[in-house]
Amino acid sequence: MGLTLLKKRCRELGLKRWPYRKLKSMDKLLQSIESVDGQDPQVAKAVDEVKTHKKLMLLAPSETQIEVGIKKFRQAAYKFEFKSKRMLART
């Protein structure tokens, strides 16, 4: 099956875009969260929230938007990772 035919069939089924980048972002966020202390109840809650949102995104990819809380958490994780890499580069 070619890419054009796949896109045509997806659009016929109501799937405008496949959220590949959003799903990869959720996977990366889960990895970074799980690398932190998993015993903390806030961290466990965040992991559950991200996993639930990822499942919703897989069920209805066109309708699901990333929630504001998850966006903020993702941004904080990205900033933490960026600062960590920068500190390692300085040493």
C-alpha atoms as a PDB file:
ATOM      1  CA  MET A   1       0.000   0.000   0.000  1.00  0.00           C
ATOM      2  CA  GLY A   2       1.373   3.362  -0.964  1.00  0.00           C
ATOM      3  CA  LEU A   3       1.500   6.447   1.202  1.00  0.00           C
ATOM      4  CA  THR A   4      -1.069   8.303  -0.883  1.00  0.00           C
ATOM      5  CA  LEU A   5      -3.597   5.497  -0.641  1.00  0.00           C
ATOM      6  CA  LEU A   6      -2.999   5.188   3.102  1.00  0.00           C
ATOM      7  CA  LYS A   7      -3.613   8.911   3.589  1.00  0.00           C
ATOM      8  CA  LYS A   8      -6.735   8.742   1.434  1.00  0.00           C
ATOM      9  CA  ARG A   9      -8.178   5.855   3.472  1.00  0.00           C
ATOM     10  CA  CYS A  10      -7.326   7.580   6.758  1.00  0.00           C
ATOM     11  CA  ARG A  11      -9.107  10.741   5.660  1.00  0.00           C
ATOM     12  CA  GLU A  12     -12.136   8.724   4.591  1.00  0.00           C
ATOM     13  CA  LEU A  13     -12.273   7.311   8.119  1.00  0.00           C
ATOM     14  CA  GLY A  14     -12.050  10.800   9.623  1.00  0.00           C
ATOM     15  CA  LEU A  15      -8.396  10.653  10.660  1.00  0.00           C
ATOM     16  CA  LYS A  16      -6.919  13.948   9.500  1.00  0.00           C
ATOM     17  CA  ARG A  17      -3.418  13.528  10.905  1.00  0.00           C
ATOM     18  CA  TRP A  18      -1.628  10.776  12.752  1.00  0.00           C
ATOM     19  CA  PRO A  19      -0.145  12.269  15.946  1.00  0.00           C
ATOM     20  CA  TYR A  20       3.251  10.561  15.612  1.00  0.00           C
ATOM     21  CA  ARG A  21       5.176  13.456  17.145  1.00  0.00           C
ATOM     22  CA  LYS A  22       2.721  13.797  20.027  1.00  0.00           C
ATOM     23  CA  LEU A  23       3.016  10.088  20.802  1.00  0.00           C
ATOM     24  CA  LYS A  24       6.815  10.231  20.666  1.00  0.00           C
ATOM     25  CA  SER A  25       6.679  13.243  22.976  1.00  0.00           C
ATOM     26  CA  MET A  26       4.549  11.258  25.434  1.00  0.00           C
ATOM     27  CA  ASP A  27       7.013   8.339  25.273  1.00  0.00           C
ATOM     28  CA  LYS A  28       9.972  10.629  25.910  1.00  0.00           C
ATOM     29  CA  LEU A  29       8.130  12.313  28.775  1.00  0.00           C
ATOM     30  CA  LEU A  30       7.363   8.931  30.344  1.00  0.00           C
ATOM     31  CA  GLN A  31      11.031   7.933  30.104  1.00  0.00           C
ATOM     32  CA  SER A  32      12.189  11.135  31.747  1.00  0.00           C
ATOM     33  CA  ILE A  33       9.555  10.881  34.514  1.00  0.00           C
ATOM     34  CA  GLU A  34      10.375   7.243  35.217  1.00  0.00           C
ATOM     35  CA  SER A  35      14.071   8.085  35.517  1.00  0.00           C
ATOM     36  CA  VAL A  36      13.160  10.263  38.506  1.00  0.00           C
ATOM     37  CA  ASP A  37      12.303   8.723  41.875  1.00  0.00           C
ATOM     38  CA  GLY A  38       9.340   6.425  41.218  1.00  0.00           C
ATOM     39  CA  GLN A  39       8.352   6.217  44.898  1.00  0.00           C
ATOM     40  CA  ASP A  40       7.158   9.830  45.029  1.00  0.00           C
ATOM     41  CA  PRO A  41       3.320   9.910  44.889  1.00  0.00           C
ATOM     42  CA  GLN A  42       3.330  13.019  42.669  1.00  0.00           C
ATOM     43  CA  VAL A  43       5.613  11.309  40.168  1.00  0.00           C
ATOM     44  CA  ALA A  44       3.429   8.179  40.175  1.00  0.00           C
ATOM     45  CA  LYS A  45       0.348  10.339  39.615  1.00  0.00           C
ATOM     46  CA  ALA A  46       2.045  12.124  36.709  1.00  0.00           C
ATOM     47  CA  VAL A  47       3.037   8.803  35.115  1.00  0.00           C
ATOM     48  CA  ASP A  48      -0.547   7.543  35.372  1.00  0.00           C
ATOM     49  CA  GLU A  49      -1.877  10.776  33.897  1.00  0.00           C
ATOM     50  CA  VAL A  50       0.495  10.649  30.919  1.00  0.00           C
ATOM     51  CA  LYS A  51      -0.229   6.953  30.274  1.00  0.00           C
ATOM     52  CA  THR A  52      -3.987   7.594  30.378  1.00  0.00           C
ATOM     53  CA  HIS A  53      -3.649  10.511  27.992  1.00  0.00           C
ATOM     54  CA  LYS A  54      -1.525   8.424  25.627  1.00  0.00           C
ATOM     55  CA  LYS A  55      -4.196   5.688  25.571  1.00  0.00           C
ATOM     56  CA  LEU A  56      -6.855   8.291  24.763  1.00  0.00           C
ATOM     57  CA  MET A  57      -4.670   9.633  21.996  1.00  0.00           C
ATOM     58  CA  LEU A  58      -4.347   6.159  20.481  1.00  0.00           C
ATOM     59  CA  LEU A  59      -8.116   5.612  20.619  1.00  0.00           C
ATOM     60  CA  ALA A  60      -9.080   8.964  19.083  1.00  0.00           C
ATOM     61  CA  PRO A  61      -5.989  10.564  17.551  1.00  0.00           C
ATOM     62  CA  SER A  62      -7.794  13.373  15.702  1.00  0.00           C
ATOM     63  CA  GLU A  63      -9.900  14.564  18.615  1.00  0.00           C
ATOM     64  CA  THR A  64      -7.374  14.306  21.445  1.00  0.00           C
ATOM     65  CA  GLN A  65      -5.396  17.396  22.350  1.00  0.00           C
ATOM     66  CA  ILE A  66      -2.586  17.442  24.878  1.00  0.00           C
ATOM     67  CA  GLU A  67      -3.888  18.776  28.187  1.00  0.00           C
ATOM     68  CA  VAL A  68      -2.473  21.994  29.626  1.00  0.00           C
ATOM     69  CA  GLY A  69      -1.115  20.237  32.733  1.00  0.00           C
ATOM     70  CA  ILE A  70       0.748  17.691  30.630  1.00  0.00           C
ATOM     71  CA  LYS A  71       2.115  20.441  28.378  1.00  0.00           C
ATOM     72  CA  LYS A  72       3.485  22.280  31.397  1.00  0.00           C
ATOM     73  CA  PHE A  73       4.942  19.077  32.811  1.00  0.00           C
ATOM     74  CA  ARG A  74       6.526  18.261  29.448  1.00  0.00           C
ATOM     75  CA  GLN A  75       8.045  21.728  29.275  1.00  0.00           C
ATOM     76  CA  ALA A  76       9.455  21.419  32.794  1.00  0.00           C
ATOM     77  CA  ALA A  77      10.976  18.016  31.948  1.00  0.00           C
ATOM     78  CA  TYR A  78      12.517  19.450  28.781  1.00  0.00           C
ATOM     79  CA  LYS A  79      14.015  22.398  30.674  1.00  0.00           C
ATOM     80  CA  PHE A  80      15.424  20.073  33.334  1.00  0.00           C
ATOM     81  CA  GLU A  81      16.990  17.845  30.681  1.00  0.00           C
ATOM     82  CA  PHE A  82      18.422  20.851  28.822  1.00  0.00           C
ATOM     83  CA  LYS A  83      19.961  22.283  31.993  1.00  0.00           C
ATOM     84  CA  SER A  84      21.418  18.892  32.901  1.00  0.00           C
ATOM     85  CA  LYS A  85      23.052  18.537  29.491  1.00  0.00           C
ATOM     86  CA  ARG A  86      24.415  22.067  29.682  1.00  0.00           C
ATOM     87  CA  MET A  87      25.902  21.443  33.113  1.00  0.00           C
ATOM     88  CA  LEU A  88      27.581  18.270  31.868  1.00  0.00           C
ATOM     89  CA  ALA A  89      29.011  20.125  28.885  1.00  0.00           C
ATOM     90  CA  ARG A  90      30.592  22.732  31.150  1.00  0.00           C
ATOM     91  CA  THR A  91      32.496  20.172  33.175  1.00  0.00           C
END
